[in-house]
């Protein structure tokens, strides 16, 4: 016999027996991310008891912040793509990068 008398399997509220565990995992994952990346600003109980709209807003703002930080740091830490050797193995020398010899200054002699 069917466990539920209705054919909709309690889908009226959006959760069914097949997607309940996934929805629960997503809620707990979101709570974890807010608490972990909130830098101590949120406790687990606070986030768990937040209204859903506020928790979603907080999560999206933290996600935007970290995405912007990641993008900014990737621009700053872009690897140098220039090479110091050509295809034959010869070292390429930029004449502007060779330091000029230091010439000593003449000091006045005191006699």
C-alpha atoms as a PDB file:
ATOM      1  CA  UNK A   1       0.000   0.000   0.000  1.00  0.00           C
ATOM      2  CA  UNK A   2       1.093   3.552  -0.733  1.00  0.00           C
ATOM      3  CA  UNK A   3       2.611   5.365   2.237  1.00  0.00           C
ATOM      4  CA  UNK A   4       0.746   8.567   1.384  1.00  0.00           C
ATOM      5  CA  UNK A   5      -2.949   8.581   0.493  1.00  0.00           C
ATOM      6  CA  UNK A   6      -2.372  11.355  -2.074  1.00  0.00           C
ATOM      7  CA  UNK A   7      -0.743  10.845  -5.439  1.00  0.00           C
ATOM      8  CA  UNK A   8       1.123  14.146  -5.193  1.00  0.00           C
ATOM      9  CA  UNK A   9       3.420  12.763  -2.459  1.00  0.00           C
ATOM     10  CA  UNK A  10       3.143  15.960  -0.407  1.00  0.00           C
ATOM     11  CA  UNK A  11       4.470  18.077  -3.305  1.00  0.00           C
ATOM     12  CA  UNK A  12       2.085  20.899  -2.483  1.00  0.00           C
ATOM     13  CA  UNK A  13       4.768  22.677  -0.456  1.00  0.00           C
ATOM     14  CA  UNK A  14       7.546  21.855  -2.898  1.00  0.00           C
ATOM     15  CA  UNK A  15       9.239  19.070  -0.943  1.00  0.00           C
ATOM     16  CA  UNK A  16       8.842  15.438  -1.750  1.00  0.00           C
ATOM     17  CA  UNK A  17      10.460  12.401  -0.205  1.00  0.00           C
ATOM     18  CA  UNK A  18      12.945  12.304  -3.080  1.00  0.00           C
ATOM     19  CA  UNK A  19      14.258  15.877  -2.736  1.00  0.00           C
ATOM     20  CA  UNK A  20      14.016  16.451   1.026  1.00  0.00           C
ATOM     21  CA  UNK A  21      17.569  15.373   1.803  1.00  0.00           C
ATOM     22  CA  UNK A  22      18.986  17.571  -0.969  1.00  0.00           C
ATOM     23  CA  UNK A  23      17.031  20.617   0.246  1.00  0.00           C
ATOM     24  CA  UNK A  24      18.147  19.986   3.818  1.00  0.00           C
ATOM     25  CA  UNK A  25      21.777  19.679   2.695  1.00  0.00           C
ATOM     26  CA  UNK A  26      21.531  22.963   0.767  1.00  0.00           C
ATOM     27  CA  UNK A  27      20.122  24.809   3.792  1.00  0.00           C
ATOM     28  CA  UNK A  28      22.867  23.514   6.081  1.00  0.00           C
ATOM     29  CA  UNK A  29      25.539  24.256   3.474  1.00  0.00           C
ATOM     30  CA  UNK A  30      24.283  27.833   3.168  1.00  0.00           C
ATOM     31  CA  UNK A  31      24.267  28.239   6.962  1.00  0.00           C
ATOM     32  CA  UNK A  32      27.812  26.895   7.143  1.00  0.00           C
ATOM     33  CA  UNK A  33      29.043  29.262   4.424  1.00  0.00           C
ATOM     34  CA  UNK A  34      27.522  32.313   6.135  1.00  0.00           C
ATOM     35  CA  UNK A  35      28.949  31.378   9.545  1.00  0.00           C
ATOM     36  CA  UNK A  36      32.383  30.421   8.164  1.00  0.00           C
ATOM     37  CA  UNK A  37      32.842  33.357   5.778  1.00  0.00           C
ATOM     38  CA  UNK A  38      31.089  35.842   8.040  1.00  0.00           C
ATOM     39  CA  UNK A  39      34.361  36.220   9.963  1.00  0.00           C
ATOM     40  CA  UNK A  40      32.783  35.643  13.356  1.00  0.00           C
ATOM     41  CA  UNK A  41      29.819  37.944  12.773  1.00  0.00           C
ATOM     42  CA  UNK A  42      27.225  35.181  12.836  1.00  0.00           C
ATOM     43  CA  UNK A  43      26.572  32.209  15.052  1.00  0.00           C
ATOM     44  CA  UNK A  44      24.967  29.033  13.735  1.00  0.00           C
ATOM     45  CA  UNK A  45      21.786  29.630  15.770  1.00  0.00           C
ATOM     46  CA  UNK A  46      21.457  33.195  14.470  1.00  0.00           C
ATOM     47  CA  UNK A  47      21.700  32.151  10.839  1.00  0.00           C
ATOM     48  CA  UNK A  48      19.428  29.134  11.336  1.00  0.00           C
ATOM     49  CA  UNK A  49      16.702  31.340  12.823  1.00  0.00           C
ATOM     50  CA  UNK A  50      17.056  34.083  10.184  1.00  0.00           C
ATOM     51  CA  UNK A  51      14.134  34.623   7.841  1.00  0.00           C
ATOM     52  CA  UNK A  52      14.804  32.820   4.564  1.00  0.00           C
ATOM     53  CA  UNK A  53      14.877  36.029   2.519  1.00  0.00           C
ATOM     54  CA  UNK A  54      17.469  37.569   4.869  1.00  0.00           C
ATOM     55  CA  UNK A  55      19.617  34.425   4.865  1.00  0.00           C
ATOM     56  CA  UNK A  56      19.537  34.321   1.048  1.00  0.00           C
ATOM     57  CA  UNK A  57      20.439  38.021   0.865  1.00  0.00           C
ATOM     58  CA  UNK A  58      23.314  37.623   3.342  1.00  0.00           C
ATOM     59  CA  UNK A  59      24.619  34.577   1.501  1.00  0.00           C
ATOM     60  CA  UNK A  60      24.532  36.341  -1.883  1.00  0.00           C
ATOM     61  CA  UNK A  61      26.319  39.420  -0.504  1.00  0.00           C
ATOM     62  CA  UNK A  62      29.094  37.321   1.042  1.00  0.00           C
ATOM     63  CA  UNK A  63      29.381  35.385  -2.225  1.00  0.00           C
ATOM     64  CA  UNK A  64      29.641  38.627  -4.268  1.00  0.00           C
ATOM     65  CA  UNK A  65      32.319  39.960  -1.912  1.00  0.00           C
ATOM     66  CA  UNK A  66      34.463  36.844  -2.188  1.00  0.00           C
ATOM     67  CA  UNK A  67      33.999  36.680  -5.975  1.00  0.00           C
ATOM     68  CA  UNK A  68      35.176  40.300  -6.277  1.00  0.00           C
ATOM     69  CA  UNK A  69      38.161  39.609  -4.014  1.00  0.00           C
ATOM     70  CA  UNK A  70      39.103  36.537  -6.053  1.00  0.00           C
ATOM     71  CA  UNK A  71      38.849  38.509  -9.305  1.00  0.00           C
ATOM     72  CA  UNK A  72      40.869  41.409  -7.891  1.00  0.00           C
ATOM     73  CA  UNK A  73      43.617  39.151  -6.578  1.00  0.00           C
ATOM     74  CA  UNK A  74      43.815  37.247  -9.864  1.00  0.00           C
ATOM     75  CA  UNK A  75      44.382  40.539 -11.702  1.00  0.00           C
ATOM     76  CA  UNK A  76      47.133  41.551  -9.276  1.00  0.00           C
ATOM     77  CA  UNK A  77      48.831  38.152  -9.259  1.00  0.00           C
ATOM     78  CA  UNK A  78      48.739  37.587 -13.002  1.00  0.00           C
ATOM     79  CA  UNK A  79      51.719  35.469 -13.958  1.00  0.00           C
ATOM     80  CA  UNK A  80      54.392  37.061 -16.095  1.00  0.00           C
ATOM     81  CA  UNK A  81      54.080  35.573 -19.583  1.00  0.00           C
ATOM     82  CA  UNK A  82      57.358  36.925 -20.971  1.00  0.00           C
ATOM     83  CA  UNK A  83      60.216  34.506 -21.476  1.00  0.00           C
ATOM     84  CA  UNK A  84      63.944  35.014 -21.167  1.00  0.00           C
ATOM     85  CA  UNK A  85      64.855  32.511 -23.885  1.00  0.00           C
ATOM     86  CA  UNK A  86      63.989  32.201 -27.542  1.00  0.00           C
ATOM     87  CA  UNK A  87      63.032  28.967 -29.318  1.00  0.00           C
ATOM     88  CA  UNK A  88      66.723  28.070 -29.998  1.00  0.00           C
ATOM     89  CA  UNK A  89      67.676  28.411 -26.313  1.00  0.00           C
ATOM     90  CA  UNK A  90      69.465  31.734 -26.635  1.00  0.00           C
ATOM     91  CA  UNK A  91      69.049  34.147 -23.761  1.00  0.00           C
ATOM     92  CA  UNK A  92      67.155  37.267 -24.739  1.00  0.00           C
ATOM     93  CA  UNK A  93      68.740  40.382 -23.300  1.00  0.00           C
ATOM     94  CA  UNK A  94      66.908  43.655 -23.044  1.00  0.00           C
ATOM     95  CA  UNK A  95      69.515  46.391 -23.293  1.00  0.00           C
ATOM     96  CA  UNK A  96      67.449  48.619 -21.022  1.00  0.00           C
ATOM     97  CA  UNK A  97      67.566  46.038 -18.243  1.00  0.00           C
ATOM     98  CA  UNK A  98      71.386  45.827 -18.107  1.00  0.00           C
ATOM     99  CA  UNK A  99      72.604  48.013 -15.268  1.00  0.00           C
ATOM    100  CA  UNK A 100      75.090  50.719 -16.132  1.00  0.00           C
ATOM    101  CA  UNK A 101      78.462  50.550 -14.428  1.00  0.00           C
ATOM    102  CA  UNK A 102      78.904  52.724 -11.385  1.00  0.00           C
ATOM    103  CA  UNK A 103      81.599  55.314 -11.759  1.00  0.00           C
ATOM    104  CA  UNK A 104      83.129  56.592  -8.551  1.00  0.00           C
ATOM    105  CA  UNK A 105      82.699  60.254  -7.860  1.00  0.00           C
ATOM    106  CA  UNK A 106      85.752  62.368  -7.520  1.00  0.00           C
ATOM    107  CA  UNK A 107      86.184  63.509  -3.992  1.00  0.00           C
ATOM    108  CA  UNK A 108      87.895  66.776  -3.281  1.00  0.00           C
ATOM    109  CA  UNK A 109      91.330  66.324  -1.877  1.00  0.00           C
ATOM    110  CA  UNK A 110      92.258  68.284   1.224  1.00  0.00           C
ATOM    111  CA  UNK A 111      95.937  69.004   1.321  1.00  0.00           C
END
